[in-house]
Amino acid sequence: MSPLTHARTHPAPLAKPPATPAPPVAPAPAPAAARRRVPVGWLALLAAPAAASANSPVLILPDMAASLGARTASATWLVTVFAWAMAVGTPLMAALLRRRGLGATLKLSAALIVTGTAVLVASPWLPPAMAGRAAQAAGAAGLITAAMSLAGSVRRMGVITAGFGVLGAGGPLLGSALAGAASWRLSLSVGAVALLALPVVMHRADLAPPPRSTPFDGRGAALLVLTVTALVLVPRHPLPAVAAAIAAAVPLALHIRSRPAGFVPVSLLRTRAFVLSAALACTLATSYFTLLFAVPHLLRERTGWSAATVGAGQLAALLTGSLLSMALAAASARMSRPRVLTVLLTVGALAPLTAALAPWAPLLLLVATLAVLATSAGQATLAVYATAPAPDGQRPTALGLFNLCYQLGGAFGPAIAAAAVLGG
């Protein structure tokens, strides 16, 4: 996808290059892509506000529940449905990017965010508010997919995922402040800030549709959405959700076997780097989002701190972890893959262990630091590991399916926190 990839694939001739490069067609996209490269700061702005929107309900769940006439645990459905729509929307947006190009993906994503925000602001009850959140999340999934597809390197990917961490860190406190000053509905609308980056990205990036369009595998997409939906419900309704997941996964597996180049390419599932990277990303994300919602509740319960104090402490902890994750992502380019994985696994395991065994309540802030460090650095490095073996034409699909696994953790985590500590 990046100019560097093309340079490695087509080495320059030893003689002085002629006016027309040889071969005449293959290298042409690389210089164009290099001239139109989008500055990484705009890519971070395009993608990262989704993290603030996703995390903004952390400290205001009781207020949201009271406004909608629901229990606090029921209000976590607004978080779960956001993560679900991000999960299923990511591979669908990746398929749109692959078939229709960046322009169509960005336009549809913007329309979904605007429509979803309008529905959310006007909704007096939980179900329509959930529909608005789902539309917001699907749009955010498209923007994130577009931004990550334009990254092109681990360092630039690290800036984007660190942006997730930074705005995700500020999300709870920002949500609390906006809810106190205006309304919790405004808190859940901060993801629309990403639209400010659209003019620059659309001006600098190549918006042309791909020259060839592969047939869309609608059956494979539908079966994957059904399987993911069932999996998202497992923490809340284990037995029926597991049964539904199996009922959807079996025909999905048969379909993948009969159509190996379909919506879920069988070549990716046979690639060890992709499978292991996606599985680890899902695990780290599940731990992070569980702790993100559980730690504030545990701090209030064990220390008696106010919501503002908890929010400020968590903000400092998450910001620290986000900055460390950017440093780790940058350093990973000079580290061996086993060493990077060892660091991620160690830090990822320390977070829940510290939460379970910490004898002093303020140590829970260290839990937040470790969790965001592991998941943000993991998303940046593992995304590159997962997509590197894929052919250029399949990299949007590989990125979409990888981010699907990451977003599954975003759906599992709040549900697990609701069941474990929020009384759900």
Protein backbone atom coordinates (compact mmCIF):
# COMPACT_ATOMS: atom_id res chain seq x y z
CA MET A 1 0.00 0.00 0.00
CA SER A 2 2.81 2.44 0.75
CA PRO A 3 5.43 3.78 -1.66
CA LEU A 4 8.07 1.85 0.27
CA THR A 5 6.27 -1.38 -0.52
CA HIS A 6 6.38 -0.62 -4.22
CA ALA A 7 10.03 0.32 -3.99
CA ARG A 8 10.92 -3.02 -2.46
CA THR A 9 8.83 -4.93 -4.98
CA HIS A 10 10.25 -3.19 -8.07
CA PRO A 11 13.95 -2.35 -7.48
CA ALA A 12 15.43 0.52 -9.46
CA PRO A 13 17.59 -0.37 -12.50
CA LEU A 14 21.38 -0.15 -12.12
CA ALA A 15 21.77 2.12 -15.13
CA LYS A 16 20.78 5.77 -15.15
CA PRO A 17 16.97 5.86 -15.10
CA PRO A 18 15.36 6.79 -18.41
CA ALA A 19 12.75 9.54 -18.66
CA THR A 20 10.02 6.91 -18.62
CA PRO A 21 10.45 4.45 -15.71
CA ALA A 22 10.85 0.76 -16.49
CA PRO A 23 8.58 -1.09 -16.24
CA PRO A 24 6.35 1.74 -17.54
CA VAL A 25 3.15 1.07 -15.51
CA ALA A 26 3.90 -0.62 -12.16
CA PRO A 27 5.95 2.12 -10.40
CA ALA A 28 3.63 4.98 -11.42
CA PRO A 29 1.32 4.90 -8.37
CA ALA A 30 4.20 5.21 -5.90
CA PRO A 31 5.34 8.76 -6.77
CA ALA A 32 1.73 9.96 -6.92
CA ALA A 33 1.03 8.46 -3.52
CA ALA A 34 4.19 10.05 -2.11
CA ARG A 35 3.23 13.51 -3.43
CA ARG A 36 -0.28 13.26 -1.99
CA ARG A 37 0.67 11.79 1.40
CA VAL A 38 -1.67 13.08 4.11
CA PRO A 39 0.12 14.55 7.16
CA VAL A 40 -0.24 12.13 10.05
CA GLY A 41 -1.71 14.79 12.35
CA TRP A 42 -4.77 15.05 10.12
CA LEU A 43 -5.08 11.26 10.04
CA ALA A 44 -5.03 11.21 13.84
CA LEU A 45 -7.73 13.89 13.93
CA LEU A 46 -9.80 11.87 11.46
CA ALA A 47 -9.63 8.71 13.56
CA ALA A 48 -9.05 9.55 17.21
CA PRO A 49 -12.25 11.45 18.18
CA ALA A 50 -14.08 8.12 18.00
CA ALA A 51 -12.15 7.07 21.11
CA ALA A 52 -13.34 10.14 23.01
CA SER A 53 -16.90 9.41 21.93
CA ALA A 54 -16.61 5.75 22.92
CA ASN A 55 -15.20 6.56 26.38
CA SER A 56 -17.25 9.66 27.20
CA PRO A 57 -19.99 7.66 29.02
CA VAL A 58 -17.55 6.17 31.57
CA LEU A 59 -18.29 8.67 34.38
CA ILE A 60 -21.85 9.67 33.42
CA LEU A 61 -23.61 6.31 33.12
CA PRO A 62 -25.92 7.07 36.11
CA ASP A 63 -26.94 10.43 34.58
CA MET A 64 -27.61 8.82 31.21
CA ALA A 65 -29.66 6.09 32.82
CA ALA A 66 -31.76 8.55 34.84
CA SER A 67 -32.43 10.69 31.76
CA LEU A 68 -33.55 7.67 29.73
CA GLY A 69 -35.52 6.05 32.56
CA ALA A 70 -33.25 3.00 32.73
CA ARG A 71 -30.90 1.28 35.18
CA THR A 72 -27.18 2.11 35.12
CA ALA A 73 -26.34 -1.38 33.86
CA SER A 74 -28.92 -0.97 31.08
CA ALA A 75 -27.32 2.31 30.03
CA THR A 76 -24.13 0.38 29.25
CA TRP A 77 -26.02 -0.86 26.16
CA LEU A 78 -25.18 2.54 24.64
CA VAL A 79 -21.53 1.58 25.05
CA THR A 80 -21.99 -1.99 23.87
CA VAL A 81 -23.96 -1.04 20.76
CA PHE A 82 -21.30 1.53 19.86
CA ALA A 83 -18.60 -1.13 20.07
CA TRP A 84 -20.78 -3.64 18.19
CA ALA A 85 -21.37 -1.20 15.32
CA MET A 86 -17.66 -0.37 15.24
CA ALA A 87 -16.89 -4.10 15.08
CA VAL A 88 -19.27 -5.00 12.25
CA GLY A 89 -18.83 -1.65 10.50
CA THR A 90 -15.06 -1.95 10.22
CA PRO A 91 -14.88 -4.90 7.77
CA LEU A 92 -17.88 -3.54 5.86
CA MET A 93 -16.18 -0.17 5.46
CA ALA A 94 -12.95 -1.93 4.49
CA ALA A 95 -14.88 -3.75 1.74
CA LEU A 96 -16.32 -0.43 0.58
CA LEU A 97 -12.83 1.08 0.55
CA ARG A 98 -11.53 -1.83 -1.48
CA ARG A 99 -14.35 -1.73 -4.04
CA ARG A 100 -15.32 1.97 -4.27
CA GLY A 101 -12.26 3.81 -3.03
CA LEU A 102 -11.50 6.36 -0.36
CA GLY A 103 -13.89 9.07 -1.55
CA ALA A 104 -17.04 6.93 -1.24
CA THR A 105 -15.91 5.62 2.17
CA LEU A 106 -15.31 9.10 3.61
CA LYS A 107 -18.61 10.49 2.28
CA LEU A 108 -20.70 7.62 3.65
CA SER A 109 -18.89 7.77 7.00
CA ALA A 110 -19.55 11.48 7.35
CA ALA A 111 -23.24 11.01 6.50
CA LEU A 112 -23.60 8.27 9.13
CA ILE A 113 -21.95 10.39 11.84
CA VAL A 114 -24.16 13.41 11.10
CA THR A 115 -27.35 11.32 10.96
CA GLY A 116 -26.50 9.29 14.06
CA THR A 117 -25.68 12.40 16.08
CA ALA A 118 -28.98 14.02 15.10
CA VAL A 119 -30.94 10.91 16.12
CA LEU A 120 -29.09 10.64 19.43
CA VAL A 121 -29.68 14.28 20.34
CA ALA A 122 -33.41 13.98 19.65
CA SER A 123 -34.03 10.58 21.29
CA PRO A 124 -35.96 10.54 24.59
CA TRP A 125 -35.69 6.75 25.08
CA LEU A 126 -32.95 4.17 25.13
CA PRO A 127 -33.75 2.20 21.89
CA PRO A 128 -33.61 5.15 19.46
CA ALA A 129 -30.56 6.51 21.29
CA MET A 130 -28.91 3.14 20.68
CA ALA A 131 -29.74 3.41 16.97
CA GLY A 132 -28.10 6.83 16.85
CA ARG A 133 -25.00 5.51 18.61
CA ALA A 134 -24.81 2.62 16.14
CA ALA A 135 -24.85 5.02 13.18
CA GLN A 136 -22.18 7.18 14.82
CA ALA A 137 -20.01 4.12 15.38
CA ALA A 138 -20.39 2.81 11.83
CA GLY A 139 -19.31 6.19 10.51
CA ALA A 140 -16.39 6.29 12.90
CA ALA A 141 -15.35 2.83 11.73
CA GLY A 142 -15.13 4.16 8.19
CA LEU A 143 -13.00 7.12 9.22
CA ILE A 144 -10.65 4.92 11.25
CA THR A 145 -10.32 2.43 8.40
CA ALA A 146 -9.51 5.26 5.99
CA ALA A 147 -6.95 6.82 8.34
CA MET A 148 -5.17 3.55 9.07
CA SER A 149 -5.10 2.62 5.38
CA LEU A 150 -3.25 5.89 4.72
CA ALA A 151 -0.73 5.46 7.54
CA GLY A 152 1.88 3.47 5.66
CA SER A 153 4.35 2.81 8.50
CA VAL A 154 4.50 1.63 12.12
CA ARG A 155 5.58 5.10 13.28
CA ARG A 156 2.63 6.84 11.61
CA MET A 157 0.29 4.08 12.78
CA GLY A 158 1.66 4.64 16.28
CA VAL A 159 0.74 8.33 16.14
CA ILE A 160 -2.82 7.41 15.14
CA THR A 161 -3.28 4.80 17.85
CA ALA A 162 -1.63 7.06 20.43
CA GLY A 163 -4.24 9.62 19.39
CA PHE A 164 -6.86 6.99 20.24
CA GLY A 165 -5.25 6.66 23.64
CA VAL A 166 -4.94 10.39 24.31
CA LEU A 167 -8.50 11.27 23.30
CA GLY A 168 -9.76 8.06 24.87
CA ALA A 169 -7.99 9.15 28.05
CA GLY A 170 -9.69 12.51 28.00
CA GLY A 171 -13.03 11.01 27.01
CA PRO A 172 -14.34 10.22 30.51
CA LEU A 173 -13.43 13.63 31.97
CA LEU A 174 -14.55 15.46 28.82
CA GLY A 175 -17.84 13.57 28.90
CA SER A 176 -18.35 14.45 32.55
CA ALA A 177 -17.53 18.13 31.95
CA LEU A 178 -19.83 18.44 28.94
CA ALA A 179 -22.62 16.62 30.74
CA GLY A 180 -22.29 18.99 33.71
CA ALA A 181 -22.14 22.11 31.55
CA ALA A 182 -24.77 21.16 28.97
CA SER A 183 -26.02 17.60 28.44
CA TRP A 184 -24.78 14.02 28.31
CA ARG A 185 -26.03 13.99 24.71
CA LEU A 186 -23.35 16.51 23.84
CA SER A 187 -20.81 14.25 25.52
CA LEU A 188 -21.75 11.41 23.18
CA SER A 189 -21.48 13.68 20.14
CA VAL A 190 -17.79 14.60 20.40
CA GLY A 191 -16.89 12.10 17.67
CA ALA A 192 -18.24 14.58 15.12
CA VAL A 193 -15.05 16.64 15.66
CA ALA A 194 -13.37 14.17 13.28
CA LEU A 195 -15.29 15.75 10.41
CA LEU A 196 -12.98 18.78 10.69
CA ALA A 197 -10.21 16.68 9.12
CA LEU A 198 -12.29 15.66 6.10
CA PRO A 199 -11.51 18.64 3.81
CA VAL A 200 -7.74 18.21 4.22
CA VAL A 201 -7.80 14.43 3.83
CA MET A 202 -10.06 14.57 0.79
CA HIS A 203 -7.84 17.23 -0.78
CA ARG A 204 -4.54 15.39 -0.20
CA ALA A 205 -5.50 11.72 -0.63
CA ASP A 206 -6.29 9.82 -3.80
CA LEU A 207 -10.10 9.52 -3.87
CA ALA A 208 -10.38 7.71 -7.19
CA PRO A 209 -12.14 4.32 -7.11
CA PRO A 210 -10.00 1.24 -7.76
CA PRO A 211 -9.63 0.30 -11.43
CA ARG A 212 -11.18 -3.10 -10.83
CA SER A 213 -14.10 -3.97 -8.60
CA THR A 214 -14.42 -7.50 -7.24
CA PRO A 215 -17.97 -8.86 -6.70
CA PHE A 216 -19.26 -8.15 -3.21
CA ASP A 217 -19.78 -11.27 -1.11
CA GLY A 218 -23.08 -10.30 0.49
CA ARG A 219 -23.77 -13.73 2.00
CA GLY A 220 -20.36 -13.86 3.63
CA ALA A 221 -20.80 -10.33 5.02
CA ALA A 222 -24.25 -11.17 6.43
CA LEU A 223 -23.03 -14.35 8.10
CA LEU A 224 -20.06 -12.52 9.62
CA VAL A 225 -22.34 -9.78 11.00
CA LEU A 226 -24.63 -12.40 12.55
CA THR A 227 -21.69 -14.23 14.12
CA VAL A 228 -20.20 -11.03 15.54
CA THR A 229 -23.58 -9.90 16.89
CA ALA A 230 -24.00 -13.18 18.73
CA LEU A 231 -20.46 -12.98 20.12
CA VAL A 232 -21.05 -9.45 21.44
CA LEU A 233 -24.03 -10.76 23.45
CA VAL A 234 -22.06 -13.60 25.09
CA PRO A 235 -21.04 -11.65 28.25
CA ARG A 236 -24.66 -10.63 28.89
CA HIS A 237 -26.55 -13.76 27.81
CA PRO A 238 -23.97 -16.58 27.71
CA LEU A 239 -25.97 -19.68 26.83
CA PRO A 240 -28.32 -18.34 24.12
CA ALA A 241 -25.58 -16.14 22.66
CA VAL A 242 -23.11 -19.03 22.42
CA ALA A 243 -25.77 -21.16 20.72
CA ALA A 244 -26.54 -18.35 18.27
CA ALA A 245 -22.84 -17.80 17.59
CA ILE A 246 -22.35 -21.47 16.76
CA ALA A 247 -25.46 -21.45 14.57
CA ALA A 248 -24.05 -18.52 12.58
CA ALA A 249 -20.40 -19.61 12.61
CA VAL A 250 -21.04 -23.05 11.07
CA PRO A 251 -22.61 -21.74 7.83
CA LEU A 252 -20.00 -18.96 7.80
CA ALA A 253 -17.20 -21.55 7.90
CA LEU A 254 -18.87 -23.56 5.13
CA HIS A 255 -19.30 -20.41 3.04
CA ILE A 256 -15.63 -19.44 3.50
CA ARG A 257 -14.65 -22.90 2.35
CA SER A 258 -16.84 -22.70 -0.74
CA ARG A 259 -15.81 -19.12 -1.55
CA PRO A 260 -12.17 -18.79 -0.43
CA ALA A 261 -11.72 -15.32 -1.92
CA GLY A 262 -14.95 -13.91 -0.49
CA PHE A 263 -15.67 -11.43 2.29
CA VAL A 264 -13.44 -13.40 4.69
CA PRO A 265 -10.50 -14.64 2.56
CA VAL A 266 -9.37 -18.09 3.58
CA SER A 267 -5.77 -17.12 2.84
CA LEU A 268 -5.86 -14.67 5.77
CA LEU A 269 -7.22 -17.31 8.14
CA ARG A 270 -4.34 -19.58 7.14
CA THR A 271 -1.77 -16.86 7.84
CA ARG A 272 -0.36 -17.40 11.32
CA ALA A 273 0.78 -13.78 11.76
CA PHE A 274 -2.71 -12.48 11.01
CA VAL A 275 -4.54 -14.92 13.28
CA LEU A 276 -2.20 -14.48 16.26
CA SER A 277 -2.09 -10.68 15.90
CA ALA A 278 -5.87 -10.42 15.69
CA ALA A 279 -6.41 -12.74 18.66
CA LEU A 280 -3.93 -10.84 20.83
CA ALA A 281 -5.45 -7.48 19.84
CA CYS A 282 -8.89 -8.75 20.88
CA THR A 283 -7.54 -9.98 24.22
CA LEU A 284 -5.73 -6.72 25.03
CA ALA A 285 -8.75 -4.63 24.01
CA THR A 286 -11.12 -6.72 26.14
CA SER A 287 -8.88 -6.23 29.18
CA TYR A 288 -8.52 -2.49 28.52
CA PHE A 289 -12.22 -1.73 28.05
CA THR A 290 -13.20 -3.87 31.04
CA LEU A 291 -10.76 -1.99 33.27
CA LEU A 292 -11.67 1.38 31.74
CA PHE A 293 -15.23 1.05 33.03
CA ALA A 294 -14.45 -0.91 36.19
CA VAL A 295 -11.60 1.21 37.61
CA PRO A 296 -13.66 4.42 38.18
CA HIS A 297 -16.34 2.42 39.98
CA LEU A 298 -13.75 0.62 42.12
CA LEU A 299 -11.96 3.88 42.97
CA ARG A 300 -15.17 5.56 44.11
CA GLU A 301 -16.08 2.46 46.11
CA ARG A 302 -12.67 2.01 47.80
CA THR A 303 -11.58 5.64 48.27
CA GLY A 304 -14.69 7.80 48.45
CA TRP A 305 -13.22 10.15 45.82
CA SER A 306 -15.58 12.41 43.90
CA ALA A 307 -16.33 11.79 40.23
CA ALA A 308 -14.16 14.80 39.30
CA THR A 309 -11.19 13.47 41.28
CA VAL A 310 -11.58 10.01 39.80
CA GLY A 311 -11.83 11.48 36.31
CA ALA A 312 -8.72 13.64 36.77
CA GLY A 313 -6.73 10.72 38.15
CA GLN A 314 -7.81 8.43 35.35
CA LEU A 315 -7.04 11.12 32.77
CA ALA A 316 -3.48 11.47 34.05
CA ALA A 317 -3.01 7.70 34.11
CA LEU A 318 -4.39 7.16 30.61
CA LEU A 319 -2.43 10.05 29.13
CA THR A 320 0.77 8.62 30.59
CA GLY A 321 0.00 5.23 29.11
CA SER A 322 -0.86 6.76 25.72
CA LEU A 323 2.43 8.65 25.50
CA LEU A 324 4.34 5.53 26.50
CA SER A 325 2.46 3.56 23.84
CA MET A 326 3.56 6.01 21.14
CA ALA A 327 7.16 5.62 22.29
CA LEU A 328 6.86 1.82 22.28
CA ALA A 329 5.29 1.81 18.81
CA ALA A 330 8.15 3.94 17.48
CA ALA A 331 10.77 1.75 19.18
CA SER A 332 9.16 -1.46 17.90
CA ALA A 333 10.61 -0.80 14.43
CA ARG A 334 14.07 -1.44 15.95
CA MET A 335 13.01 -4.43 18.07
CA SER A 336 12.55 -8.05 17.09
CA ARG A 337 8.99 -9.31 16.82
CA PRO A 338 9.35 -11.80 19.74
CA ARG A 339 10.63 -9.01 21.97
CA VAL A 340 7.73 -6.72 21.07
CA LEU A 341 5.23 -9.50 21.75
CA THR A 342 6.91 -10.26 25.09
CA VAL A 343 6.55 -6.63 26.17
CA LEU A 344 2.89 -6.51 25.11
CA LEU A 345 2.02 -9.77 26.84
CA THR A 346 3.84 -8.77 30.04
CA VAL A 347 2.25 -5.33 30.30
CA GLY A 348 -1.13 -6.69 29.25
CA ALA A 349 -1.05 -9.33 31.98
CA LEU A 350 0.12 -6.90 34.68
CA ALA A 351 -2.95 -4.67 34.27
CA PRO A 352 -5.68 -7.13 35.39
CA LEU A 353 -3.36 -8.73 37.97
CA THR A 354 -2.72 -5.34 39.56
CA ALA A 355 -6.44 -4.60 39.58
CA ALA A 356 -7.16 -7.89 41.33
CA LEU A 357 -4.30 -7.85 43.85
CA ALA A 358 -3.51 -4.18 44.55
CA PRO A 359 -3.55 -3.63 48.34
CA TRP A 360 -3.70 0.16 47.97
CA ALA A 361 -6.65 1.60 46.05
CA PRO A 362 -4.76 4.42 44.20
CA LEU A 363 -2.68 1.69 42.53
CA LEU A 364 -5.76 1.21 40.37
CA LEU A 365 -4.59 4.25 38.42
CA LEU A 366 -1.49 2.28 37.47
CA VAL A 367 -3.87 -0.34 36.09
CA ALA A 368 -5.28 2.23 33.67
CA THR A 369 -1.77 3.22 32.57
CA LEU A 370 -0.72 -0.37 31.91
CA ALA A 371 -3.95 -1.24 30.12
CA VAL A 372 -3.87 1.67 27.67
CA LEU A 373 -0.13 1.17 27.07
CA ALA A 374 -0.67 -2.45 26.09
CA THR A 375 -3.73 -1.94 23.92
CA SER A 376 -2.61 1.25 22.09
CA ALA A 377 0.90 0.03 21.36
CA GLY A 378 -0.53 -3.38 20.54
CA GLN A 379 -3.00 -2.00 18.03
CA ALA A 380 -0.27 -0.05 16.22
CA THR A 381 2.29 -2.84 16.01
CA LEU A 382 -0.07 -5.79 15.64
CA ALA A 383 -1.99 -4.08 12.82
CA VAL A 384 1.24 -3.93 10.81
CA TYR A 385 2.11 -7.54 11.68
CA ALA A 386 -1.38 -8.69 10.67
CA THR A 387 -1.54 -6.90 7.33
CA ALA A 388 2.08 -7.23 6.17
CA PRO A 389 1.73 -10.80 4.76
CA ALA A 390 -1.40 -9.92 2.78
CA PRO A 391 -1.18 -9.04 -0.94
CA ASP A 392 -1.73 -5.34 -1.69
CA GLY A 393 -5.26 -5.97 -2.93
CA GLN A 394 -6.25 -7.73 0.29
CA ARG A 395 -4.71 -5.29 2.78
CA PRO A 396 -7.88 -3.22 3.29
CA THR A 397 -9.71 -6.50 4.01
CA ALA A 398 -6.98 -7.67 6.38
CA LEU A 399 -7.02 -4.33 8.19
CA GLY A 400 -10.81 -4.41 8.45
CA LEU A 401 -10.90 -7.92 9.89
CA PHE A 402 -8.04 -7.13 12.28
CA ASN A 403 -9.87 -4.05 13.56
CA LEU A 404 -13.02 -6.14 13.85
CA CYS A 405 -11.21 -8.33 16.38
CA TYR A 406 -9.96 -5.26 18.24
CA GLN A 407 -13.45 -3.75 18.36
CA LEU A 408 -14.87 -7.03 19.67
CA GLY A 409 -12.81 -6.32 22.77
CA GLY A 410 -14.49 -2.93 22.93
CA ALA A 411 -17.86 -4.70 22.98
CA PHE A 412 -16.86 -7.43 25.45
CA GLY A 413 -15.18 -5.12 27.96
CA PRO A 414 -18.10 -2.86 29.02
CA ALA A 415 -20.43 -5.88 29.20
CA ILE A 416 -17.98 -7.74 31.43
CA ALA A 417 -17.57 -4.65 33.62
CA ALA A 418 -21.36 -4.29 33.87
CA ALA A 419 -21.73 -7.91 34.93
CA ALA A 420 -18.79 -7.88 37.34
CA VAL A 421 -18.88 -4.50 39.13
CA LEU A 422 -21.80 -2.37 37.91
CA GLY A 423 -24.57 -4.57 39.16
CA GLY A 424 -25.69 -5.75 35.74
